């Protein structure tokens, strides 16, 4: 676990990339999309036994790949959002619970396509949910361990709120990179995506 938590901070170049990612988050929507593209590029390079840093180059590619993945994330969460909106309009606790369950399921499912999309940037990985679901179910203990580390990193990232709230931009970038590292290791090793 300490390897994963230390991963985004292990060198001057990696820390610089976290700093840049946090600064970019202050740009609404575009900052999130660029950070998503950065993480995909980071995984892509690690799968080829290349250094993931520096990663803030080729911004059009980061924007393209981050845009595809962000659209997929939104698409997978649309049913949950629709149910939550209906729950709010009807003031229904049962529908709200269903919406939260659907949202959690969609989030749990996402890493099943992200590592594969990062491997070859084929958009078919993001629009075919059945293979992604099979990968998640096949992930076993390693996948659950990755989630455990990710949840711990997510909880730790809220410490950034103690820095007048603005530190959360950088601690959330750190968390996303920890999660990308964990999930990509699970699926890259299981499916032979490491070159």
N, C-alpha and C. Protein backbone atom coordinates (compact mmCIF):
# COMPACT_ATOMS: atom_id res chain seq x y z
N UNK A 1 0.82 -1.19 0.00
CA UNK A 1 0.00 0.00 0.00
C UNK A 1 0.86 1.26 0.00
N UNK A 2 1.96 1.24 0.74
CA UNK A 2 2.80 2.44 0.79
C UNK A 2 3.38 2.77 -0.58
N UNK A 3 3.67 1.74 -1.40
CA UNK A 3 4.15 2.01 -2.76
C UNK A 3 3.13 2.80 -3.55
N UNK A 4 1.87 2.41 -3.44
CA UNK A 4 0.81 3.10 -4.19
C UNK A 4 0.63 4.53 -3.68
N UNK A 5 0.61 4.71 -2.37
CA UNK A 5 0.41 6.05 -1.81
C UNK A 5 1.58 6.97 -2.11
N UNK A 6 2.77 6.40 -2.23
CA UNK A 6 3.98 7.18 -2.50
C UNK A 6 4.18 7.42 -4.00
N UNK A 7 3.53 6.63 -4.83
CA UNK A 7 3.76 6.66 -6.28
C UNK A 7 3.75 8.07 -6.88
N UNK A 8 2.71 8.89 -6.64
CA UNK A 8 2.68 10.20 -7.30
C UNK A 8 3.69 11.21 -6.73
N UNK A 9 4.38 10.85 -5.64
CA UNK A 9 5.27 11.80 -4.98
C UNK A 9 6.72 11.33 -4.97
N UNK A 10 7.05 10.31 -5.76
CA UNK A 10 8.34 9.65 -5.63
C UNK A 10 9.52 10.40 -6.22
N UNK A 11 9.28 11.40 -7.03
CA UNK A 11 10.40 12.13 -7.64
C UNK A 11 10.00 13.59 -7.82
N UNK A 12 10.98 14.41 -8.13
CA UNK A 12 10.70 15.82 -8.38
C UNK A 12 9.76 15.97 -9.58
N UNK A 13 9.96 15.14 -10.61
CA UNK A 13 9.10 15.23 -11.80
C UNK A 13 7.67 14.82 -11.48
N UNK A 14 7.50 13.76 -10.67
CA UNK A 14 6.13 13.33 -10.34
C UNK A 14 5.43 14.38 -9.48
N UNK A 15 6.15 14.97 -8.54
CA UNK A 15 5.55 16.01 -7.69
C UNK A 15 5.20 17.24 -8.51
N UNK A 16 6.03 17.56 -9.49
CA UNK A 16 5.75 18.69 -10.38
C UNK A 16 4.47 18.43 -11.16
N UNK A 17 4.27 17.18 -11.61
CA UNK A 17 3.06 16.85 -12.36
C UNK A 17 1.81 16.93 -11.48
N UNK A 18 1.93 16.56 -10.20
CA UNK A 18 0.80 16.72 -9.27
C UNK A 18 0.49 18.21 -9.11
N UNK A 19 1.53 19.02 -8.98
CA UNK A 19 1.35 20.46 -8.85
C UNK A 19 0.62 21.03 -10.07
N UNK A 20 1.06 20.65 -11.26
CA UNK A 20 0.42 21.14 -12.48
C UNK A 20 -1.04 20.66 -12.55
N UNK A 21 -1.26 19.39 -12.24
CA UNK A 21 -2.62 18.85 -12.26
C UNK A 21 -3.55 19.61 -11.33
N UNK A 22 -3.07 19.93 -10.13
CA UNK A 22 -3.88 20.70 -9.18
C UNK A 22 -4.19 22.10 -9.69
N UNK A 23 -3.20 22.73 -10.32
CA UNK A 23 -3.44 24.07 -10.89
C UNK A 23 -4.47 24.01 -12.00
N UNK A 24 -4.39 22.98 -12.84
CA UNK A 24 -5.35 22.85 -13.94
C UNK A 24 -6.77 22.60 -13.46
N UNK A 25 -6.92 22.00 -12.28
CA UNK A 25 -8.27 21.75 -11.76
C UNK A 25 -9.05 23.04 -11.51
N UNK A 26 -8.35 24.15 -11.43
CA UNK A 26 -9.06 25.41 -11.22
C UNK A 26 -9.76 25.89 -12.49
N UNK A 27 -9.52 25.22 -13.60
CA UNK A 27 -10.22 25.53 -14.85
C UNK A 27 -11.44 24.60 -14.90
N UNK A 28 -12.65 25.14 -14.77
CA UNK A 28 -13.84 24.28 -14.72
C UNK A 28 -13.93 23.33 -15.92
N UNK A 29 -14.30 22.13 -15.68
CA UNK A 29 -14.51 21.02 -16.62
C UNK A 29 -13.22 20.67 -17.37
N UNK A 30 -12.63 21.64 -18.06
CA UNK A 30 -11.42 21.39 -18.84
C UNK A 30 -10.30 20.84 -17.96
N UNK A 31 -10.16 21.35 -16.76
CA UNK A 31 -9.12 20.86 -15.86
C UNK A 31 -9.32 19.41 -15.48
N UNK A 32 -10.59 19.03 -15.22
CA UNK A 32 -10.89 17.63 -14.91
C UNK A 32 -10.57 16.74 -16.10
N UNK A 33 -11.00 17.15 -17.30
CA UNK A 33 -10.80 16.36 -18.51
C UNK A 33 -9.30 16.20 -18.79
N UNK A 34 -8.53 17.26 -18.64
CA UNK A 34 -7.08 17.16 -18.86
C UNK A 34 -6.43 16.22 -17.84
N UNK A 35 -6.86 16.29 -16.59
CA UNK A 35 -6.32 15.39 -15.57
C UNK A 35 -6.68 13.94 -15.88
N UNK A 36 -7.87 13.70 -16.40
CA UNK A 36 -8.26 12.35 -16.80
C UNK A 36 -7.35 11.87 -17.93
N UNK A 37 -7.12 12.72 -18.92
CA UNK A 37 -6.22 12.36 -20.01
C UNK A 37 -4.81 12.10 -19.53
N UNK A 38 -4.36 12.89 -18.57
CA UNK A 38 -3.04 12.70 -17.98
C UNK A 38 -2.92 11.31 -17.36
N UNK A 39 -3.92 10.93 -16.57
CA UNK A 39 -3.87 9.61 -15.91
C UNK A 39 -3.86 8.48 -16.93
N UNK A 40 -4.64 8.62 -17.97
CA UNK A 40 -4.66 7.59 -19.01
C UNK A 40 -3.29 7.50 -19.69
N UNK A 41 -2.69 8.64 -19.99
CA UNK A 41 -1.36 8.66 -20.61
C UNK A 41 -0.32 8.07 -19.66
N UNK A 42 -0.45 8.35 -18.36
CA UNK A 42 0.46 7.82 -17.36
C UNK A 42 0.41 6.29 -17.37
N UNK A 43 -0.80 5.73 -17.37
CA UNK A 43 -0.97 4.27 -17.40
C UNK A 43 -0.43 3.71 -18.71
N UNK A 44 -0.74 4.36 -19.81
CA UNK A 44 -0.27 3.93 -21.13
C UNK A 44 1.26 3.80 -21.15
N UNK A 45 1.93 4.78 -20.60
CA UNK A 45 3.40 4.76 -20.60
C UNK A 45 3.94 3.69 -19.66
N UNK A 46 3.30 3.51 -18.50
CA UNK A 46 3.76 2.46 -17.58
C UNK A 46 3.58 1.07 -18.20
N UNK A 47 2.53 0.88 -18.96
CA UNK A 47 2.31 -0.41 -19.61
C UNK A 47 3.41 -0.73 -20.62
N UNK A 48 4.09 0.29 -21.10
CA UNK A 48 5.18 0.12 -22.05
C UNK A 48 6.55 0.22 -21.39
N UNK A 49 6.56 0.12 -20.08
CA UNK A 49 7.80 0.17 -19.30
C UNK A 49 8.54 1.49 -19.51
N UNK A 50 7.78 2.57 -19.65
CA UNK A 50 8.33 3.91 -19.79
C UNK A 50 8.02 4.70 -18.53
N UNK A 51 8.79 5.72 -18.28
CA UNK A 51 8.51 6.59 -17.13
C UNK A 51 7.21 7.35 -17.40
N UNK A 52 6.33 7.40 -16.41
CA UNK A 52 5.09 8.16 -16.61
C UNK A 52 5.28 9.67 -16.56
N UNK A 53 6.48 10.11 -16.16
CA UNK A 53 6.73 11.53 -16.01
C UNK A 53 7.86 11.98 -16.92
N UNK A 54 7.84 13.20 -17.38
CA UNK A 54 6.76 14.17 -17.24
C UNK A 54 5.59 13.81 -18.16
N UNK A 55 4.39 14.12 -17.73
CA UNK A 55 3.22 13.72 -18.49
C UNK A 55 2.40 14.87 -19.04
N UNK A 56 2.74 16.09 -18.65
CA UNK A 56 1.94 17.22 -19.11
C UNK A 56 2.51 17.76 -20.43
N UNK A 57 2.36 16.97 -21.45
CA UNK A 57 2.72 17.40 -22.80
C UNK A 57 1.68 16.83 -23.75
N UNK A 58 1.67 17.26 -24.95
CA UNK A 58 0.68 16.81 -25.95
C UNK A 58 -0.75 17.06 -25.43
N UNK A 59 -1.03 18.29 -25.08
CA UNK A 59 -2.32 18.64 -24.51
C UNK A 59 -3.51 18.25 -25.39
N UNK A 60 -3.42 18.35 -26.73
CA UNK A 60 -4.57 17.90 -27.53
C UNK A 60 -4.90 16.42 -27.32
N UNK A 61 -3.86 15.57 -27.17
CA UNK A 61 -4.10 14.15 -26.91
C UNK A 61 -4.70 13.95 -25.53
N UNK A 62 -4.18 14.66 -24.53
CA UNK A 62 -4.73 14.56 -23.18
C UNK A 62 -6.20 14.95 -23.18
N UNK A 63 -6.53 16.00 -23.92
CA UNK A 63 -7.90 16.48 -23.99
C UNK A 63 -8.80 15.46 -24.70
N UNK A 64 -8.31 14.89 -25.78
CA UNK A 64 -9.10 13.90 -26.52
C UNK A 64 -9.38 12.67 -25.66
N UNK A 65 -8.32 12.05 -25.14
CA UNK A 65 -8.49 10.82 -24.37
C UNK A 65 -9.24 11.08 -23.06
N UNK A 66 -8.95 12.20 -22.42
CA UNK A 66 -9.67 12.56 -21.21
C UNK A 66 -11.14 12.84 -21.49
N UNK A 67 -11.42 13.42 -22.65
CA UNK A 67 -12.81 13.69 -23.04
C UNK A 67 -13.59 12.41 -23.28
N UNK A 68 -12.97 11.45 -23.96
CA UNK A 68 -13.63 10.16 -24.20
C UNK A 68 -13.94 9.48 -22.87
N UNK A 69 -12.96 9.41 -21.99
CA UNK A 69 -13.16 8.74 -20.69
C UNK A 69 -14.17 9.49 -19.83
N UNK A 70 -14.12 10.82 -19.83
CA UNK A 70 -15.06 11.61 -19.02
C UNK A 70 -16.49 11.43 -19.53
N UNK A 71 -16.66 11.39 -20.84
CA UNK A 71 -17.99 11.14 -21.40
C UNK A 71 -18.50 9.76 -21.00
N UNK A 72 -17.60 8.77 -21.00
CA UNK A 72 -18.00 7.42 -20.60
C UNK A 72 -18.39 7.40 -19.12
N UNK A 73 -17.64 8.08 -18.28
CA UNK A 73 -17.96 8.13 -16.85
C UNK A 73 -19.35 8.74 -16.65
N UNK A 74 -19.60 9.83 -17.35
CA UNK A 74 -20.92 10.47 -17.25
C UNK A 74 -22.01 9.52 -17.75
N UNK A 75 -21.75 8.86 -18.88
CA UNK A 75 -22.73 7.94 -19.44
C UNK A 75 -23.06 6.79 -18.50
N UNK A 76 -22.05 6.22 -17.87
CA UNK A 76 -22.29 5.11 -16.94
C UNK A 76 -23.04 5.58 -15.69
N UNK A 77 -22.93 6.85 -15.34
CA UNK A 77 -23.60 7.37 -14.15
C UNK A 77 -24.96 8.01 -14.45
N UNK A 78 -25.34 8.13 -15.72
CA UNK A 78 -26.61 8.77 -16.06
C UNK A 78 -27.82 8.08 -15.43
N UNK A 79 -27.91 6.74 -15.43
CA UNK A 79 -29.07 6.12 -14.76
C UNK A 79 -29.17 6.51 -13.29
N UNK A 80 -28.05 6.53 -12.60
CA UNK A 80 -28.06 6.91 -11.18
C UNK A 80 -28.50 8.36 -11.02
N UNK A 81 -27.98 9.23 -11.88
CA UNK A 81 -28.36 10.64 -11.79
C UNK A 81 -29.84 10.85 -12.07
N UNK A 82 -30.38 10.11 -13.05
CA UNK A 82 -31.80 10.21 -13.38
C UNK A 82 -32.66 9.76 -12.20
N UNK A 83 -32.29 8.65 -11.58
CA UNK A 83 -33.06 8.15 -10.44
C UNK A 83 -32.96 9.12 -9.26
N UNK A 84 -31.78 9.69 -9.02
CA UNK A 84 -31.63 10.65 -7.93
C UNK A 84 -32.45 11.92 -8.18
N UNK A 85 -32.50 12.36 -9.42
CA UNK A 85 -33.32 13.53 -9.75
C UNK A 85 -34.79 13.23 -9.50
N UNK A 86 -35.23 12.04 -9.92
CA UNK A 86 -36.61 11.64 -9.69
C UNK A 86 -36.89 11.52 -8.19
N UNK A 87 -35.94 10.98 -7.44
CA UNK A 87 -36.09 10.86 -5.99
C UNK A 87 -36.24 12.24 -5.35
N UNK A 88 -35.48 13.20 -5.82
CA UNK A 88 -35.57 14.56 -5.29
C UNK A 88 -36.93 15.18 -5.59
N UNK A 89 -37.40 15.00 -6.85
CA UNK A 89 -38.69 15.57 -7.24
C UNK A 89 -39.84 14.93 -6.47
N UNK A 90 -39.74 13.64 -6.21
CA UNK A 90 -40.81 12.92 -5.52
C UNK A 90 -40.58 12.83 -4.00
N UNK A 91 -39.45 13.35 -3.53
CA UNK A 91 -39.07 13.26 -2.11
C UNK A 91 -39.14 11.81 -1.63
N UNK A 92 -38.53 10.92 -2.41
CA UNK A 92 -38.58 9.49 -2.13
C UNK A 92 -37.23 8.99 -1.61
N UNK A 93 -37.21 8.54 -0.36
CA UNK A 93 -35.98 8.00 0.21
C UNK A 93 -35.59 6.69 -0.46
N UNK A 94 -36.59 5.88 -0.84
CA UNK A 94 -36.30 4.61 -1.49
C UNK A 94 -35.64 4.82 -2.86
N UNK A 95 -36.16 5.78 -3.62
CA UNK A 95 -35.53 6.08 -4.92
C UNK A 95 -34.14 6.68 -4.73
N UNK A 96 -33.97 7.48 -3.70
CA UNK A 96 -32.65 8.05 -3.42
C UNK A 96 -31.65 6.94 -3.12
N UNK A 97 -32.09 5.97 -2.34
CA UNK A 97 -31.21 4.83 -2.02
C UNK A 97 -30.87 4.05 -3.30
N UNK A 98 -31.86 3.82 -4.15
CA UNK A 98 -31.62 3.13 -5.42
C UNK A 98 -30.63 3.91 -6.28
N UNK A 99 -30.79 5.23 -6.34
CA UNK A 99 -29.87 6.06 -7.12
C UNK A 99 -28.45 5.98 -6.59
N UNK A 100 -28.29 5.98 -5.27
CA UNK A 100 -26.95 5.86 -4.68
C UNK A 100 -26.33 4.50 -4.97
N UNK A 101 -27.15 3.45 -4.93
CA UNK A 101 -26.65 2.11 -5.24
C UNK A 101 -26.22 2.03 -6.70
N UNK A 102 -27.03 2.59 -7.59
CA UNK A 102 -26.66 2.59 -9.02
C UNK A 102 -25.38 3.39 -9.25
N UNK A 103 -25.22 4.51 -8.56
CA UNK A 103 -24.01 5.32 -8.70
C UNK A 103 -22.78 4.59 -8.19
N UNK A 104 -22.92 3.91 -7.05
CA UNK A 104 -21.80 3.13 -6.50
C UNK A 104 -21.43 1.99 -7.43
N UNK A 105 -22.44 1.33 -8.01
CA UNK A 105 -22.17 0.23 -8.95
C UNK A 105 -21.45 0.74 -10.19
N UNK A 106 -21.87 1.89 -10.71
CA UNK A 106 -21.21 2.46 -11.89
C UNK A 106 -19.76 2.81 -11.58
N UNK A 107 -19.52 3.38 -10.41
CA UNK A 107 -18.16 3.74 -10.02
C UNK A 107 -17.28 2.50 -9.85
N UNK A 108 -17.83 1.47 -9.25
CA UNK A 108 -17.10 0.21 -9.05
C UNK A 108 -16.72 -0.43 -10.38
N UNK A 109 -17.52 -0.20 -11.39
CA UNK A 109 -17.39 -0.80 -12.71
C UNK A 109 -16.36 -0.09 -13.60
N UNK A 110 -16.13 1.20 -13.38
CA UNK A 110 -15.31 2.01 -14.28
C UNK A 110 -13.89 1.50 -14.52
N UNK A 111 -13.15 1.05 -13.50
CA UNK A 111 -11.79 0.59 -13.78
C UNK A 111 -11.72 -0.59 -14.75
N UNK A 112 -12.85 -1.27 -14.95
CA UNK A 112 -12.87 -2.40 -15.89
C UNK A 112 -12.64 -2.00 -17.34
N UNK A 113 -12.83 -0.73 -17.66
CA UNK A 113 -12.51 -0.31 -19.02
C UNK A 113 -11.35 0.67 -19.09
N UNK A 114 -11.06 1.39 -18.02
CA UNK A 114 -10.04 2.43 -18.06
C UNK A 114 -8.65 1.92 -18.44
N UNK A 115 -8.21 0.84 -17.81
CA UNK A 115 -6.87 0.31 -18.08
C UNK A 115 -6.74 -0.14 -19.53
N UNK A 116 -7.82 -0.69 -20.07
CA UNK A 116 -7.78 -1.18 -21.45
C UNK A 116 -7.85 -0.03 -22.44
N UNK A 117 -8.62 0.99 -22.12
CA UNK A 117 -8.63 2.17 -22.96
C UNK A 117 -7.26 2.83 -22.96
N UNK A 118 -6.62 2.88 -21.81
CA UNK A 118 -5.27 3.47 -21.72
C UNK A 118 -4.26 2.67 -22.54
N UNK A 119 -4.48 1.38 -22.68
CA UNK A 119 -3.52 0.54 -23.39
C UNK A 119 -3.42 0.91 -24.87
N UNK A 120 -4.56 1.03 -25.54
CA UNK A 120 -4.51 1.28 -26.99
C UNK A 120 -5.39 2.45 -27.45
N UNK A 121 -6.05 3.11 -26.49
CA UNK A 121 -6.93 4.25 -26.77
C UNK A 121 -8.01 3.92 -27.80
N UNK A 122 -8.49 2.69 -27.76
CA UNK A 122 -9.60 2.27 -28.63
C UNK A 122 -10.91 2.59 -27.91
N UNK A 123 -11.72 3.49 -28.45
CA UNK A 123 -12.97 3.87 -27.77
C UNK A 123 -13.94 2.72 -27.59
N UNK A 124 -13.76 1.63 -28.31
CA UNK A 124 -14.65 0.48 -28.14
C UNK A 124 -14.61 -0.04 -26.70
N UNK A 125 -13.49 0.15 -26.01
CA UNK A 125 -13.38 -0.31 -24.62
C UNK A 125 -14.37 0.42 -23.72
N UNK A 126 -14.68 1.67 -24.03
CA UNK A 126 -15.55 2.44 -23.14
C UNK A 126 -17.03 2.28 -23.47
N UNK A 127 -17.34 1.80 -24.65
CA UNK A 127 -18.76 1.69 -25.01
C UNK A 127 -19.27 0.25 -24.96
N UNK A 128 -18.41 -0.67 -24.55
CA UNK A 128 -18.82 -2.07 -24.42
C UNK A 128 -18.76 -2.46 -22.94
N UNK A 129 -19.88 -2.35 -22.23
CA UNK A 129 -19.85 -2.61 -20.79
C UNK A 129 -19.66 -4.07 -20.41
N UNK A 130 -20.09 -5.02 -21.25
CA UNK A 130 -20.01 -6.43 -20.86
C UNK A 130 -18.57 -6.89 -20.58
N UNK A 131 -17.60 -6.62 -21.47
CA UNK A 131 -16.23 -7.04 -21.15
C UNK A 131 -15.68 -6.35 -19.90
N UNK A 132 -16.04 -5.08 -19.72
CA UNK A 132 -15.56 -4.36 -18.52
C UNK A 132 -16.12 -5.00 -17.26
N UNK A 133 -17.39 -5.38 -17.29
CA UNK A 133 -18.00 -6.03 -16.14
C UNK A 133 -17.34 -7.38 -15.86
N UNK A 134 -17.05 -8.14 -16.91
CA UNK A 134 -16.37 -9.43 -16.72
C UNK A 134 -15.00 -9.24 -16.08
N UNK A 135 -14.27 -8.23 -16.52
CA UNK A 135 -12.94 -7.97 -15.94
C UNK A 135 -13.04 -7.62 -14.46
N UNK A 136 -14.01 -6.80 -14.11
CA UNK A 136 -14.20 -6.41 -12.71
C UNK A 136 -14.53 -7.64 -11.87
N UNK A 137 -15.43 -8.48 -12.36
CA UNK A 137 -15.81 -9.68 -11.61
C UNK A 137 -14.66 -10.67 -11.52
N UNK A 138 -13.81 -10.69 -12.54
CA UNK A 138 -12.66 -11.59 -12.56
C UNK A 138 -11.49 -11.04 -11.74
N UNK A 139 -11.55 -9.77 -11.39
CA UNK A 139 -10.43 -9.13 -10.68
C UNK A 139 -10.13 -9.72 -9.32
N UNK A 140 -11.13 -10.28 -8.69
CA UNK A 140 -10.95 -10.98 -7.42
C UNK A 140 -10.37 -10.12 -6.31
N UNK A 141 -9.55 -10.77 -5.48
CA UNK A 141 -8.98 -10.10 -4.30
C UNK A 141 -8.08 -8.92 -4.69
N UNK A 142 -7.36 -9.07 -5.80
CA UNK A 142 -6.46 -7.99 -6.21
C UNK A 142 -7.27 -6.72 -6.52
N UNK A 143 -8.42 -6.91 -7.16
CA UNK A 143 -9.27 -5.76 -7.48
C UNK A 143 -9.85 -5.14 -6.20
N UNK A 144 -10.28 -5.98 -5.28
CA UNK A 144 -10.81 -5.47 -4.01
C UNK A 144 -9.72 -4.77 -3.20
N UNK A 145 -8.49 -5.29 -3.26
CA UNK A 145 -7.37 -4.63 -2.57
C UNK A 145 -7.11 -3.26 -3.18
N UNK A 146 -7.17 -3.18 -4.52
CA UNK A 146 -6.99 -1.88 -5.19
C UNK A 146 -8.06 -0.91 -4.73
N UNK A 147 -9.29 -1.38 -4.58
CA UNK A 147 -10.35 -0.52 -4.08
C UNK A 147 -10.07 -0.09 -2.64
N UNK A 148 -9.58 -1.01 -1.82
CA UNK A 148 -9.26 -0.67 -0.44
C UNK A 148 -8.23 0.44 -0.36
N UNK A 149 -7.18 0.33 -1.17
CA UNK A 149 -6.14 1.37 -1.19
C UNK A 149 -6.73 2.68 -1.72
N UNK A 150 -7.55 2.56 -2.77
CA UNK A 150 -8.18 3.76 -3.34
C UNK A 150 -9.07 4.48 -2.35
N UNK A 151 -9.83 3.72 -1.58
CA UNK A 151 -10.72 4.34 -0.59
C UNK A 151 -9.90 5.02 0.51
N UNK A 152 -8.81 4.38 0.94
CA UNK A 152 -7.92 5.01 1.94
C UNK A 152 -7.33 6.31 1.39
N UNK A 153 -6.86 6.27 0.14
CA UNK A 153 -6.29 7.47 -0.48
C UNK A 153 -7.34 8.56 -0.62
N UNK A 154 -8.56 8.17 -0.97
CA UNK A 154 -9.65 9.16 -1.09
C UNK A 154 -9.89 9.83 0.25
N UNK A 155 -9.96 9.03 1.31
CA UNK A 155 -10.17 9.60 2.65
C UNK A 155 -9.03 10.55 3.02
N UNK A 156 -7.80 10.14 2.74
CA UNK A 156 -6.65 11.00 3.05
C UNK A 156 -6.67 12.29 2.24
N UNK A 157 -7.21 12.22 1.02
CA UNK A 157 -7.20 13.41 0.17
C UNK A 157 -8.03 14.55 0.76
N UNK A 158 -9.00 14.22 1.61
CA UNK A 158 -9.82 15.27 2.21
C UNK A 158 -9.03 16.12 3.20
N UNK A 159 -7.84 15.68 3.57
CA UNK A 159 -6.98 16.51 4.40
C UNK A 159 -6.64 17.82 3.70
N UNK A 160 -6.69 17.82 2.38
CA UNK A 160 -6.43 19.04 1.62
C UNK A 160 -7.42 20.14 1.93
N UNK A 161 -8.60 19.77 2.43
CA UNK A 161 -9.58 20.80 2.81
C UNK A 161 -9.11 21.62 4.00
N UNK A 162 -8.18 21.07 4.79
CA UNK A 162 -7.66 21.79 5.95
C UNK A 162 -6.80 22.98 5.53
N UNK A 163 -6.32 22.99 4.30
CA UNK A 163 -5.51 24.09 3.80
C UNK A 163 -6.42 25.12 3.12
N UNK A 164 -7.31 25.68 3.90
CA UNK A 164 -8.28 26.67 3.42
C UNK A 164 -9.15 26.14 2.27
N UNK A 165 -9.23 24.84 2.17
CA UNK A 165 -10.05 24.22 1.13
C UNK A 165 -9.33 24.08 -0.20
N UNK A 166 -8.37 24.96 -0.48
CA UNK A 166 -7.73 24.95 -1.79
C UNK A 166 -6.76 23.78 -1.96
N UNK A 167 -6.25 23.26 -0.86
CA UNK A 167 -5.31 22.14 -0.96
C UNK A 167 -5.94 20.89 -1.54
N UNK A 168 -7.28 20.83 -1.50
CA UNK A 168 -7.98 19.64 -2.01
C UNK A 168 -7.74 19.45 -3.51
N UNK A 169 -7.46 20.51 -4.24
CA UNK A 169 -7.17 20.36 -5.68
C UNK A 169 -5.96 19.45 -5.87
N UNK A 170 -4.93 19.64 -5.05
CA UNK A 170 -3.71 18.84 -5.20
C UNK A 170 -3.83 17.47 -4.56
N UNK A 171 -4.52 17.40 -3.42
CA UNK A 171 -4.66 16.08 -2.79
C UNK A 171 -5.59 15.19 -3.60
N UNK A 172 -6.56 15.77 -4.31
CA UNK A 172 -7.43 14.95 -5.16
C UNK A 172 -6.67 14.45 -6.38
N UNK A 173 -5.79 15.27 -6.95
CA UNK A 173 -4.95 14.80 -8.06
C UNK A 173 -4.06 13.65 -7.59
N UNK A 174 -3.48 13.81 -6.40
CA UNK A 174 -2.68 12.72 -5.82
C UNK A 174 -3.51 11.46 -5.70
N UNK A 175 -4.73 11.56 -5.14
CA UNK A 175 -5.61 10.40 -4.98
C UNK A 175 -5.92 9.73 -6.31
N UNK A 176 -6.25 10.52 -7.33
CA UNK A 176 -6.59 9.94 -8.64
C UNK A 176 -5.41 9.18 -9.22
N UNK A 177 -4.20 9.69 -9.00
CA UNK A 177 -3.03 8.98 -9.52
C UNK A 177 -2.76 7.70 -8.74
N UNK A 178 -3.00 7.72 -7.44
CA UNK A 178 -2.87 6.50 -6.64
C UNK A 178 -3.85 5.45 -7.16
N UNK A 179 -5.11 5.85 -7.36
CA UNK A 179 -6.13 4.92 -7.83
C UNK A 179 -5.78 4.38 -9.21
N UNK A 180 -5.33 5.25 -10.11
CA UNK A 180 -4.96 4.79 -11.46
C UNK A 180 -3.83 3.78 -11.40
N UNK A 181 -2.85 4.05 -10.55
CA UNK A 181 -1.73 3.13 -10.37
C UNK A 181 -2.23 1.76 -9.90
N UNK A 182 -3.09 1.75 -8.88
CA UNK A 182 -3.57 0.49 -8.31
C UNK A 182 -4.38 -0.32 -9.31
N UNK A 183 -5.38 0.29 -9.93
CA UNK A 183 -6.25 -0.45 -10.84
C UNK A 183 -5.51 -0.89 -12.10
N UNK A 184 -4.61 -0.04 -12.59
CA UNK A 184 -3.87 -0.42 -13.79
C UNK A 184 -2.94 -1.59 -13.51
N UNK A 185 -2.37 -1.64 -12.33
CA UNK A 185 -1.50 -2.78 -11.97
C UNK A 185 -2.30 -4.08 -11.97
N UNK A 186 -3.50 -4.05 -11.38
CA UNK A 186 -4.33 -5.25 -11.32
C UNK A 186 -4.62 -5.77 -12.72
N UNK A 187 -5.19 -4.92 -13.56
CA UNK A 187 -5.63 -5.38 -14.87
C UNK A 187 -4.48 -5.57 -15.85
N UNK A 188 -3.45 -4.74 -15.77
CA UNK A 188 -2.31 -4.91 -16.68
C UNK A 188 -1.61 -6.24 -16.42
N UNK A 189 -1.48 -6.61 -15.16
CA UNK A 189 -0.84 -7.89 -14.83
C UNK A 189 -1.73 -9.07 -15.18
N UNK A 190 -3.04 -8.97 -14.86
CA UNK A 190 -3.94 -10.09 -15.13
C UNK A 190 -4.11 -10.36 -16.61
N UNK A 191 -4.08 -9.32 -17.42
CA UNK A 191 -4.39 -9.48 -18.84
C UNK A 191 -3.16 -9.28 -19.75
N UNK A 192 -1.98 -9.29 -19.18
CA UNK A 192 -0.76 -9.23 -19.98
C UNK A 192 -0.61 -7.96 -20.79
N UNK A 193 -0.93 -6.83 -20.20
CA UNK A 193 -0.83 -5.55 -20.91
C UNK A 193 0.51 -4.86 -20.70
N UNK A 194 1.41 -5.51 -19.98
CA UNK A 194 2.72 -4.92 -19.72
C UNK A 194 3.69 -5.38 -20.80
N UNK A 195 4.36 -4.42 -21.43
CA UNK A 195 5.30 -4.77 -22.51
C UNK A 195 6.72 -4.76 -21.99
